N, C-alpha and C. Protein backbone atom coordinates (compact mmCIF):
# COMPACT_ATOMS: atom_id res chain seq x y z
N MET A 1 -33.41 133.29 -86.06
CA MET A 1 -33.02 133.16 -84.70
C MET A 1 -31.62 133.31 -84.84
N TYR A 2 -30.79 133.53 -83.80
CA TYR A 2 -29.58 133.51 -83.07
C TYR A 2 -29.46 132.17 -82.70
N PRO A 3 -28.24 131.54 -83.07
CA PRO A 3 -27.86 130.15 -82.63
C PRO A 3 -28.18 130.20 -81.01
N ARG A 4 -28.36 129.15 -80.54
CA ARG A 4 -28.50 129.03 -79.49
C ARG A 4 -27.32 127.96 -79.05
N PHE A 5 -26.70 128.10 -78.14
CA PHE A 5 -25.42 126.96 -77.50
C PHE A 5 -26.10 125.84 -76.58
N SER A 6 -27.48 126.29 -75.99
CA SER A 6 -28.35 125.14 -75.26
C SER A 6 -29.18 124.24 -76.09
N THR A 7 -29.25 125.08 -77.54
CA THR A 7 -30.11 123.69 -77.82
C THR A 7 -29.67 122.51 -78.09
N GLU A 8 -28.42 122.17 -78.11
CA GLU A 8 -28.08 120.53 -78.28
C GLU A 8 -28.07 119.99 -76.59
N LYS A 9 -27.84 120.53 -75.93
CA LYS A 9 -27.96 119.87 -74.28
C LYS A 9 -29.56 119.86 -74.19
N ILE A 10 -30.50 120.86 -74.49
CA ILE A 10 -31.46 120.23 -74.61
C ILE A 10 -31.99 119.21 -75.15
N LYS A 11 -31.47 118.89 -76.33
CA LYS A 11 -32.28 117.58 -76.97
C LYS A 11 -31.25 116.49 -76.51
N THR A 12 -30.13 116.48 -75.97
CA THR A 12 -29.48 115.32 -75.46
C THR A 12 -30.28 114.97 -74.23
N ALA A 13 -30.81 116.06 -73.28
CA ALA A 13 -31.64 115.69 -72.42
C ALA A 13 -32.77 115.01 -72.36
N LEU A 14 -33.54 115.58 -73.52
CA LEU A 14 -34.76 114.93 -73.92
C LEU A 14 -34.92 113.66 -74.34
N THR A 15 -33.41 113.01 -74.68
CA THR A 15 -33.48 111.44 -75.45
C THR A 15 -33.60 110.65 -73.81
N ASP A 16 -33.52 111.32 -73.18
CA ASP A 16 -33.75 110.19 -71.81
C ASP A 16 -34.38 110.56 -70.57
N THR A 17 -34.97 111.79 -70.73
CA THR A 17 -35.71 112.50 -69.76
C THR A 17 -36.93 113.32 -70.28
N PRO A 18 -38.13 112.84 -69.77
CA PRO A 18 -39.18 113.45 -70.58
C PRO A 18 -39.51 114.96 -70.11
N VAL A 19 -39.22 115.12 -69.20
CA VAL A 19 -38.99 116.46 -68.93
C VAL A 19 -37.64 117.66 -68.87
N VAL A 20 -37.70 118.74 -69.59
CA VAL A 20 -36.39 119.37 -69.35
C VAL A 20 -36.94 120.82 -68.91
N PHE A 21 -36.51 121.57 -67.80
CA PHE A 21 -36.74 122.85 -66.93
C PHE A 21 -35.84 123.79 -67.94
N VAL A 22 -36.10 124.70 -68.65
CA VAL A 22 -35.47 125.56 -69.40
C VAL A 22 -35.63 127.24 -68.13
N MET A 23 -34.68 127.49 -67.88
CA MET A 23 -34.72 128.70 -66.79
C MET A 23 -34.02 129.79 -67.55
N GLY A 24 -34.22 131.33 -67.27
CA GLY A 24 -33.34 132.18 -67.77
C GLY A 24 -34.35 133.70 -67.42
N PRO A 25 -33.51 134.52 -67.87
CA PRO A 25 -34.40 136.07 -67.42
C PRO A 25 -35.35 135.94 -68.88
N ARG A 26 -36.56 137.31 -68.36
CA ARG A 26 -37.35 137.45 -69.02
C ARG A 26 -36.81 137.92 -70.58
N GLN A 27 -37.39 137.58 -71.47
CA GLN A 27 -37.59 138.22 -72.53
C GLN A 27 -36.19 137.74 -73.56
N SER A 28 -35.55 136.40 -72.68
CA SER A 28 -34.20 136.06 -73.26
C SER A 28 -34.42 134.96 -74.68
N GLY A 29 -35.81 134.47 -74.71
CA GLY A 29 -36.03 133.49 -75.89
C GLY A 29 -35.97 132.09 -75.35
N LYS A 30 -36.27 131.83 -74.22
CA LYS A 30 -36.78 130.38 -73.89
C LYS A 30 -37.95 129.65 -74.50
N THR A 31 -39.23 130.58 -74.61
CA THR A 31 -39.97 130.16 -75.27
C THR A 31 -39.74 129.60 -76.99
N THR A 32 -39.12 130.62 -77.31
CA THR A 32 -38.82 130.18 -78.85
C THR A 32 -37.78 129.56 -79.20
N LEU A 33 -36.84 129.43 -78.16
CA LEU A 33 -35.89 128.19 -78.02
C LEU A 33 -36.86 126.73 -78.22
N VAL A 34 -37.47 126.63 -76.92
CA VAL A 34 -38.17 125.20 -76.74
C VAL A 34 -39.10 124.77 -77.89
N LYS A 35 -39.76 125.82 -78.54
CA LYS A 35 -41.25 125.68 -79.41
C LYS A 35 -40.39 125.18 -80.57
N ASN A 36 -39.04 125.57 -81.00
CA ASN A 36 -38.20 125.54 -82.10
C ASN A 36 -37.66 123.96 -82.12
N ILE A 37 -37.34 123.69 -80.85
CA ILE A 37 -36.76 122.15 -80.71
C ILE A 37 -38.03 121.10 -80.71
N ILE A 38 -39.20 121.56 -80.14
CA ILE A 38 -40.29 120.49 -79.76
C ILE A 38 -41.09 120.15 -81.26
N ASP A 39 -41.50 119.10 -81.32
CA ASP A 39 -42.45 118.70 -82.39
C ASP A 39 -43.77 118.25 -81.82
N ASP A 40 -44.83 118.12 -82.52
CA ASP A 40 -46.37 117.91 -82.28
C ASP A 40 -46.24 117.02 -81.13
N SER A 41 -45.17 115.60 -81.03
CA SER A 41 -45.35 114.59 -80.25
C SER A 41 -45.03 115.41 -78.85
N TRP A 42 -44.55 116.27 -78.45
CA TRP A 42 -44.28 116.77 -77.19
C TRP A 42 -45.53 117.84 -76.97
N GLU A 43 -45.50 118.00 -75.40
CA GLU A 43 -46.63 118.81 -75.15
C GLU A 43 -45.85 120.13 -74.22
N TYR A 44 -46.16 121.46 -74.99
CA TYR A 44 -45.28 122.36 -74.28
C TYR A 44 -46.12 122.83 -72.83
N ILE A 45 -45.61 122.70 -72.00
CA ILE A 45 -46.15 123.36 -70.31
C ILE A 45 -46.07 124.86 -69.97
N ASN A 46 -46.51 125.81 -69.72
CA ASN A 46 -46.18 127.14 -69.48
C ASN A 46 -46.90 127.23 -67.78
N LEU A 47 -46.11 127.35 -67.04
CA LEU A 47 -47.11 127.52 -65.73
C LEU A 47 -47.08 129.00 -65.01
N ASP A 48 -47.16 129.57 -66.15
CA ASP A 48 -47.31 131.29 -65.51
C ASP A 48 -48.78 131.31 -65.42
N ASP A 49 -49.94 130.44 -66.20
CA ASP A 49 -50.95 130.74 -65.88
C ASP A 49 -51.03 130.30 -64.49
N GLN A 50 -51.75 131.07 -63.35
CA GLN A 50 -51.77 130.52 -62.05
C GLN A 50 -52.34 129.30 -61.56
N THR A 51 -53.63 129.14 -62.36
CA THR A 51 -54.61 127.79 -61.84
C THR A 51 -54.05 127.02 -62.39
N GLN A 52 -53.04 126.70 -63.52
CA GLN A 52 -52.39 125.49 -63.71
C GLN A 52 -51.32 125.60 -62.56
N PHE A 53 -50.47 126.40 -62.41
CA PHE A 53 -49.66 125.92 -61.41
C PHE A 53 -49.88 125.73 -60.40
N GLU A 54 -51.17 126.77 -59.29
CA GLU A 54 -51.39 125.93 -58.47
C GLU A 54 -51.44 124.56 -58.21
N VAL A 55 -52.22 124.11 -59.31
CA VAL A 55 -52.72 122.39 -59.28
C VAL A 55 -51.59 121.74 -59.59
N ALA A 56 -50.48 122.07 -60.39
CA ALA A 56 -49.05 121.24 -60.32
C ALA A 56 -48.67 121.13 -59.09
N GLN A 57 -48.94 122.13 -58.36
CA GLN A 57 -48.13 122.63 -56.91
C GLN A 57 -48.94 121.81 -55.59
N ASN A 58 -50.06 121.45 -55.91
CA ASN A 58 -50.73 121.00 -55.04
C ASN A 58 -51.06 119.48 -55.32
N ASP A 59 -51.05 119.13 -56.56
CA ASP A 59 -51.12 117.79 -56.66
C ASP A 59 -50.08 117.27 -57.97
N PRO A 60 -48.59 117.51 -57.87
CA PRO A 60 -47.97 117.20 -58.74
C PRO A 60 -48.12 115.77 -59.47
N VAL A 61 -48.61 114.70 -58.88
CA VAL A 61 -48.40 113.53 -59.41
C VAL A 61 -49.89 113.59 -60.43
N GLY A 62 -50.91 113.91 -59.65
CA GLY A 62 -52.24 114.14 -60.51
C GLY A 62 -51.83 114.82 -61.76
N PHE A 63 -51.07 116.12 -61.43
CA PHE A 63 -51.06 117.09 -62.82
C PHE A 63 -50.35 116.42 -63.77
N ILE A 64 -49.41 115.45 -63.61
CA ILE A 64 -48.76 114.88 -64.54
C ILE A 64 -49.54 113.54 -65.18
N ARG A 65 -49.95 112.80 -64.33
CA ARG A 65 -51.19 112.10 -64.94
C ARG A 65 -51.67 112.36 -65.62
N ASN A 66 -52.61 113.62 -65.67
CA ASN A 66 -53.82 114.45 -66.11
C ASN A 66 -53.27 114.50 -67.77
N LEU A 67 -51.99 115.52 -67.56
CA LEU A 67 -51.03 115.15 -68.83
C LEU A 67 -51.23 114.33 -69.81
N SER A 68 -51.11 113.24 -69.10
CA SER A 68 -50.37 111.97 -70.14
C SER A 68 -51.53 111.61 -70.35
N ALA A 69 -53.06 111.30 -69.92
CA ALA A 69 -54.33 111.46 -70.34
C ALA A 69 -54.67 111.80 -71.23
N LYS A 70 -54.15 113.23 -71.24
CA LYS A 70 -55.13 113.96 -72.33
C LYS A 70 -54.26 113.85 -73.64
N LYS A 71 -52.88 113.45 -73.67
CA LYS A 71 -51.72 113.02 -74.65
C LYS A 71 -52.61 111.62 -75.27
N GLU A 72 -52.58 110.90 -74.55
CA GLU A 72 -53.17 109.59 -75.32
C GLU A 72 -54.43 110.00 -75.85
N SER A 73 -55.38 110.65 -75.29
CA SER A 73 -56.74 110.86 -75.94
C SER A 73 -56.62 111.38 -77.14
N GLN A 74 -55.60 112.38 -77.65
CA GLN A 74 -55.55 112.99 -78.70
C GLN A 74 -55.48 112.12 -80.21
């Protein structure tokens, strides 16, 4: 994988922020970058799924609460 200058910035942001948004053009390595940074204790969420996006958009607090419940039950 090519070295990513954003890696350290993302890691720093994750030390005190539970959510980090990574944005960039299609096919630029965003998913690969994030999946190489996080481990099994983190949950990767992709809002490309229209149903998941609509739930998050219509009830953002409930969406996040549901994620926490899923993580605790694992």
